[in-house]
N, C-alpha and C. Protein backbone atom coordinates (compact mmCIF):
# COMPACT_ATOMS: atom_id res chain seq x y z
N MET A 1 55.93 148.60 62.95
CA MET A 1 56.41 147.49 62.21
C MET A 1 57.92 147.35 62.43
N ILE A 2 58.45 146.17 62.23
CA ILE A 2 59.85 145.88 62.43
C ILE A 2 60.59 146.21 61.15
N SER A 3 61.69 146.90 61.32
CA SER A 3 62.45 147.29 60.15
C SER A 3 63.56 146.27 59.87
N LEU A 4 64.09 146.35 58.67
CA LEU A 4 65.16 145.46 58.26
C LEU A 4 66.41 145.67 59.11
N ASP A 5 66.66 146.88 59.49
CA ASP A 5 67.83 147.19 60.34
C ASP A 5 67.69 146.51 61.70
N GLN A 6 66.50 146.48 62.25
CA GLN A 6 66.28 145.85 63.55
C GLN A 6 66.48 144.33 63.46
N VAL A 7 66.05 143.72 62.35
CA VAL A 7 66.21 142.28 62.15
C VAL A 7 67.70 141.96 62.01
N GLN A 8 68.42 142.78 61.26
CA GLN A 8 69.86 142.54 61.09
C GLN A 8 70.61 142.69 62.42
N LEU A 9 70.21 143.68 63.21
CA LEU A 9 70.82 143.88 64.52
C LEU A 9 70.54 142.67 65.43
N LEU A 10 69.29 142.17 65.36
CA LEU A 10 68.93 140.99 66.13
C LEU A 10 69.76 139.77 65.70
N GLU A 11 69.94 139.59 64.39
CA GLU A 11 70.74 138.48 63.87
C GLU A 11 72.19 138.60 64.35
N GLN A 12 72.72 139.81 64.38
CA GLN A 12 74.09 140.01 64.86
C GLN A 12 74.20 139.63 66.35
N LYS A 13 73.22 140.06 67.12
CA LYS A 13 73.25 139.76 68.55
C LYS A 13 73.08 138.26 68.81
N VAL A 14 72.22 137.59 68.03
CA VAL A 14 72.06 136.13 68.18
C VAL A 14 73.34 135.43 67.77
N GLY A 15 73.95 135.86 66.67
CA GLY A 15 75.21 135.26 66.22
C GLY A 15 76.30 135.46 67.25
N SER A 16 76.37 136.65 67.84
CA SER A 16 77.36 136.93 68.87
C SER A 16 77.12 136.06 70.11
N ALA A 17 75.84 135.90 70.47
CA ALA A 17 75.50 135.06 71.63
C ALA A 17 75.86 133.60 71.36
N VAL A 18 75.60 133.12 70.15
CA VAL A 18 75.94 131.74 69.79
C VAL A 18 77.46 131.54 69.85
N GLU A 19 78.21 132.50 69.33
CA GLU A 19 79.68 132.41 69.39
C GLU A 19 80.16 132.37 70.84
N LYS A 20 79.59 133.23 71.66
CA LYS A 20 79.98 133.29 73.07
C LYS A 20 79.64 131.98 73.77
N ILE A 21 78.47 131.42 73.48
CA ILE A 21 78.06 130.14 74.07
C ILE A 21 79.01 129.03 73.62
N THR A 22 79.38 129.02 72.36
CA THR A 22 80.31 128.02 71.84
C THR A 22 81.67 128.15 72.52
N GLN A 23 82.15 129.39 72.64
CA GLN A 23 83.42 129.65 73.30
C GLN A 23 83.37 129.20 74.77
N LEU A 24 82.31 129.55 75.48
CA LEU A 24 82.20 129.18 76.88
C LEU A 24 82.06 127.67 77.06
N SER A 25 81.38 127.01 76.13
CA SER A 25 81.26 125.54 76.19
C SER A 25 82.62 124.89 76.03
N ALA A 26 83.42 125.39 75.10
CA ALA A 26 84.77 124.84 74.91
C ALA A 26 85.63 125.09 76.15
N GLU A 27 85.52 126.28 76.69
CA GLU A 27 86.29 126.61 77.90
C GLU A 27 85.84 125.73 79.06
N ASN A 28 84.55 125.51 79.18
CA ASN A 28 83.99 124.65 80.24
C ASN A 28 84.53 123.23 80.10
N ALA A 29 84.56 122.71 78.87
CA ALA A 29 85.09 121.36 78.63
C ALA A 29 86.57 121.28 79.01
N ALA A 30 87.33 122.32 78.65
CA ALA A 30 88.75 122.35 78.99
C ALA A 30 88.94 122.40 80.50
N LEU A 31 88.13 123.19 81.18
CA LEU A 31 88.22 123.29 82.63
C LEU A 31 87.82 121.97 83.31
N ARG A 32 86.83 121.30 82.78
CA ARG A 32 86.43 120.00 83.33
C ARG A 32 87.55 118.98 83.16
N THR A 33 88.20 119.02 81.99
CA THR A 33 89.33 118.11 81.75
C THR A 33 90.46 118.41 82.73
N LYS A 34 90.77 119.68 82.90
CA LYS A 34 91.82 120.09 83.82
C LYS A 34 91.46 119.70 85.25
N CYS A 35 90.22 119.87 85.62
CA CYS A 35 89.75 119.50 86.96
C CYS A 35 89.91 118.00 87.18
N ALA A 36 89.57 117.19 86.19
CA ALA A 36 89.73 115.73 86.29
C ALA A 36 91.21 115.37 86.43
N GLU A 37 92.07 116.03 85.67
CA GLU A 37 93.52 115.78 85.77
C GLU A 37 94.03 116.13 87.16
N LEU A 38 93.60 117.26 87.67
CA LEU A 38 94.03 117.68 89.01
C LEU A 38 93.50 116.74 90.08
N GLN A 39 92.28 116.27 89.91
CA GLN A 39 91.70 115.32 90.86
C GLN A 39 92.50 114.01 90.86
N ASN A 40 92.87 113.55 89.66
CA ASN A 40 93.68 112.33 89.55
C ASN A 40 95.05 112.52 90.20
N ALA A 41 95.65 113.69 89.99
CA ALA A 41 96.94 113.99 90.60
C ALA A 41 96.81 114.04 92.12
N LEU A 42 95.73 114.64 92.60
CA LEU A 42 95.50 114.71 94.04
C LEU A 42 95.32 113.31 94.62
N ASP A 43 94.56 112.47 93.94
CA ASP A 43 94.37 111.09 94.40
C ASP A 43 95.70 110.34 94.47
N ALA A 44 96.53 110.54 93.45
CA ALA A 44 97.85 109.88 93.42
C ALA A 44 98.72 110.38 94.57
N LYS A 45 98.72 111.69 94.81
CA LYS A 45 99.53 112.26 95.89
C LYS A 45 99.00 111.80 97.25
N THR A 46 97.70 111.70 97.39
CA THR A 46 97.11 111.24 98.64
C THR A 46 97.52 109.80 98.91
N GLU A 47 97.49 108.98 97.88
CA GLU A 47 97.91 107.58 98.02
C GLU A 47 99.41 107.51 98.37
N GLN A 48 100.21 108.34 97.71
CA GLN A 48 101.64 108.37 97.98
C GLN A 48 101.90 108.83 99.42
N PHE A 49 101.16 109.82 99.87
CA PHE A 49 101.31 110.31 101.24
C PHE A 49 100.96 109.22 102.24
N SER A 50 99.87 108.51 101.97
CA SER A 50 99.47 107.41 102.86
C SER A 50 100.55 106.34 102.92
N SER A 51 101.16 106.06 101.79
CA SER A 51 102.23 105.08 101.73
C SER A 51 103.43 105.56 102.54
N PHE A 52 103.81 106.83 102.38
CA PHE A 52 104.92 107.38 103.15
C PHE A 52 104.61 107.37 104.65
N GLN A 53 103.39 107.69 104.99
CA GLN A 53 103.00 107.72 106.39
C GLN A 53 103.06 106.30 106.98
N SER A 54 102.62 105.32 106.23
CA SER A 54 102.70 103.94 106.66
C SER A 54 104.16 103.51 106.83
N ASP A 55 105.01 103.89 105.86
CA ASP A 55 106.43 103.58 105.97
C ASP A 55 107.04 104.26 107.19
N GLN A 56 106.65 105.49 107.45
CA GLN A 56 107.16 106.23 108.60
C GLN A 56 106.79 105.51 109.89
N ASN A 57 105.56 105.04 109.97
CA ASN A 57 105.13 104.31 111.16
C ASN A 57 105.94 103.03 111.33
N LYS A 58 106.21 102.31 110.23
CA LYS A 58 107.01 101.09 110.31
C LYS A 58 108.44 101.41 110.76
N ILE A 59 108.99 102.51 110.26
CA ILE A 59 110.34 102.93 110.65
C ILE A 59 110.37 103.24 112.15
N GLU A 60 109.38 103.98 112.63
CA GLU A 60 109.32 104.31 114.05
C GLU A 60 109.21 103.05 114.89
N GLU A 61 108.36 102.11 114.46
CA GLU A 61 108.20 100.87 115.20
C GLU A 61 109.51 100.09 115.23
N GLY A 62 110.22 100.08 114.11
CA GLY A 62 111.52 99.39 114.04
C GLY A 62 112.54 100.01 114.97
N ILE A 63 112.58 101.34 115.00
CA ILE A 63 113.52 102.04 115.89
C ILE A 63 113.18 101.76 117.35
N LEU A 64 111.90 101.83 117.68
CA LEU A 64 111.50 101.56 119.06
C LEU A 64 111.79 100.11 119.45
N SER A 65 111.59 99.21 118.54
CA SER A 65 111.90 97.80 118.79
C SER A 65 113.39 97.62 119.02
N ALA A 66 114.21 98.26 118.19
CA ALA A 66 115.67 98.17 118.35
C ALA A 66 116.10 98.77 119.69
N LEU A 67 115.51 99.89 120.07
CA LEU A 67 115.84 100.51 121.36
C LEU A 67 115.44 99.60 122.52
N ASP A 68 114.29 98.96 122.42
CA ASP A 68 113.86 98.02 123.45
C ASP A 68 114.85 96.86 123.56
N ARG A 69 115.28 96.35 122.41
CA ARG A 69 116.23 95.26 122.41
C ARG A 69 117.56 95.70 123.04
N LEU A 70 118.01 96.92 122.70
CA LEU A 70 119.24 97.43 123.29
C LEU A 70 119.09 97.59 124.81
N ASN A 71 117.94 98.08 125.25
CA ASN A 71 117.71 98.20 126.69
C ASN A 71 117.74 96.84 127.36
N THR A 72 117.16 95.84 126.73
CA THR A 72 117.17 94.49 127.28
C THR A 72 118.59 93.97 127.40
N VAL A 73 119.38 94.16 126.33
CA VAL A 73 120.78 93.72 126.36
C VAL A 73 121.54 94.46 127.45
N GLU A 74 121.34 95.77 127.53
CA GLU A 74 122.03 96.56 128.55
C GLU A 74 121.66 96.09 129.94
N ASN A 75 120.38 95.86 130.17
CA ASN A 75 119.94 95.40 131.49
C ASN A 75 120.53 94.03 131.81
N THR A 76 120.59 93.16 130.82
CA THR A 76 121.17 91.83 131.02
C THR A 76 122.64 91.94 131.38
N VAL A 77 123.37 92.79 130.67
CA VAL A 77 124.79 92.98 130.96
C VAL A 77 124.99 93.56 132.36
N LEU A 78 124.19 94.55 132.71
CA LEU A 78 124.32 95.16 134.04
C LEU A 78 123.96 94.16 135.14
N GLU A 79 122.91 93.37 134.93
CA GLU A 79 122.53 92.36 135.91
C GLU A 79 123.63 91.31 136.04
N SER A 80 124.21 90.93 134.93
CA SER A 80 125.31 89.96 134.96
C SER A 80 126.50 90.52 135.71
N ALA A 81 126.83 91.77 135.46
CA ALA A 81 127.96 92.41 136.14
C ALA A 81 127.68 92.51 137.64
N ASN A 82 126.46 92.86 137.99
CA ASN A 82 126.10 92.95 139.41
C ASN A 82 126.13 91.58 140.07
N ALA A 83 125.67 90.56 139.37
CA ALA A 83 125.68 89.21 139.91
C ALA A 83 127.11 88.74 140.11
N ASP A 84 128.00 89.05 139.17
CA ASP A 84 129.39 88.66 139.28
C ASP A 84 130.06 89.35 140.45
N SER A 85 129.79 90.63 140.65
CA SER A 85 130.43 91.37 141.75
C SER A 85 129.86 90.94 143.09
N ASN A 86 128.61 90.55 143.14
CA ASN A 86 128.01 90.13 144.40
C ASN A 86 128.33 88.68 144.73
N ALA A 87 128.65 87.87 143.74
CA ALA A 87 128.91 86.45 143.97
C ALA A 87 130.17 86.23 144.75
N ASP A 88 131.22 86.97 144.50
CA ASP A 88 132.49 86.75 145.22
C ASP A 88 132.71 87.79 146.31
N GLY A 89 131.77 88.70 146.49
CA GLY A 89 131.86 89.68 147.55
C GLY A 89 132.75 90.85 147.24
N SER A 90 133.41 90.83 146.12
CA SER A 90 134.28 91.93 145.77
C SER A 90 133.53 92.92 144.89
N VAL A 91 134.05 94.11 144.84
CA VAL A 91 133.44 95.16 144.03
C VAL A 91 134.43 95.57 142.97
N ASP A 92 133.99 95.68 141.75
CA ASP A 92 134.87 96.06 140.65
C ASP A 92 134.83 97.57 140.47
N TYR A 93 135.95 98.22 140.72
CA TYR A 93 136.03 99.66 140.58
C TYR A 93 136.71 100.07 139.29
N SER A 94 136.80 99.20 138.33
CA SER A 94 137.50 99.52 137.10
C SER A 94 136.80 100.61 136.29
N TYR A 95 135.54 100.82 136.53
CA TYR A 95 134.81 101.86 135.82
C TYR A 95 134.93 103.22 136.47
N VAL A 96 135.59 103.30 137.62
CA VAL A 96 135.72 104.55 138.36
C VAL A 96 136.84 105.37 137.73
N SER A 97 136.54 106.63 137.46
CA SER A 97 137.53 107.55 136.91
C SER A 97 138.17 108.32 138.05
N ASN A 98 139.50 108.36 138.05
CA ASN A 98 140.22 109.08 139.10
C ASN A 98 140.83 110.36 138.56
N GLU A 99 140.06 111.16 137.92
CA GLU A 99 140.55 112.44 137.43
C GLU A 99 140.57 113.41 138.59
N ASN A 100 141.73 113.91 138.91
CA ASN A 100 141.79 114.79 140.08
C ASN A 100 142.46 116.11 139.78
N ASN A 101 142.90 116.32 138.59
CA ASN A 101 143.54 117.58 138.21
C ASN A 101 144.71 117.92 139.15
N GLY A 102 145.40 116.91 139.67
CA GLY A 102 146.56 117.15 140.53
C GLY A 102 146.23 117.50 141.95
N ASN A 103 144.95 117.38 142.39
CA ASN A 103 144.57 117.75 143.74
C ASN A 103 144.86 116.66 144.75
N ASN A 104 144.93 115.40 144.32
CA ASN A 104 145.15 114.31 145.25
C ASN A 104 146.26 113.43 144.68
N GLU A 105 147.30 113.23 145.48
CA GLU A 105 148.43 112.46 144.98
C GLU A 105 148.13 110.98 144.93
N ASP A 106 147.18 110.47 145.71
CA ASP A 106 146.88 109.04 145.75
C ASP A 106 145.75 108.77 144.75
N ASN A 107 146.11 108.52 143.50
CA ASN A 107 145.12 108.31 142.45
C ASN A 107 144.49 106.93 142.50
N ASN A 108 145.03 106.02 143.26
CA ASN A 108 144.53 104.65 143.29
C ASN A 108 143.58 104.40 144.45
N ASP A 109 143.23 105.41 145.21
CA ASP A 109 142.36 105.23 146.36
C ASP A 109 140.91 105.42 145.95
N PRO A 110 140.14 104.31 145.82
CA PRO A 110 138.73 104.45 145.42
C PRO A 110 137.87 104.98 146.56
N TYR A 111 138.42 105.09 147.78
CA TYR A 111 137.64 105.52 148.93
C TYR A 111 138.01 106.92 149.36
N ASN A 112 138.22 107.79 148.41
CA ASN A 112 138.64 109.15 148.77
C ASN A 112 137.45 110.08 148.91
N ASN A 113 136.35 109.55 149.39
CA ASN A 113 135.14 110.32 149.70
C ASN A 113 134.56 111.02 148.48
N GLY A 114 134.86 110.53 147.32
CA GLY A 114 134.26 111.08 146.10
C GLY A 114 134.80 112.42 145.69
N ALA A 115 135.85 112.89 146.36
CA ALA A 115 136.36 114.21 146.05
C ALA A 115 136.90 114.29 144.65
N ASN A 116 137.54 113.21 144.18
CA ASN A 116 138.18 113.27 142.88
C ASN A 116 137.72 112.15 141.95
N SER A 117 136.76 111.38 142.34
CA SER A 117 136.29 110.26 141.52
C SER A 117 134.97 110.60 140.88
N THR A 118 134.78 110.08 139.70
CA THR A 118 133.53 110.28 138.99
C THR A 118 132.87 108.93 138.78
N PHE A 119 131.67 108.77 139.26
CA PHE A 119 130.95 107.52 139.07
C PHE A 119 130.01 107.62 137.93
């Protein structure tokens, strides 16, 4: 037969199990809430990252476009300079540097075989 002590022990164990279940349910709810908050934060950061990445791509495209435009301007200037020098048959040596470190006394000679001129 079942004794009163056994019934009381069973009641204690059931009460302890109910308390543990209640505690774990509360903890589970808190963890689910925290998980939802973290998921929302992750979604926001992912969206922010995508926005930054899109902005980065636009910046790169802008820089490349500006470089292309600069190359076009440079090529136009060089072509114009070449056309001007070829039109009258003369050559403009104003861009030639005559740094000679004192090795050649004739600093104005553009035809010194490149010994002291830098192109």
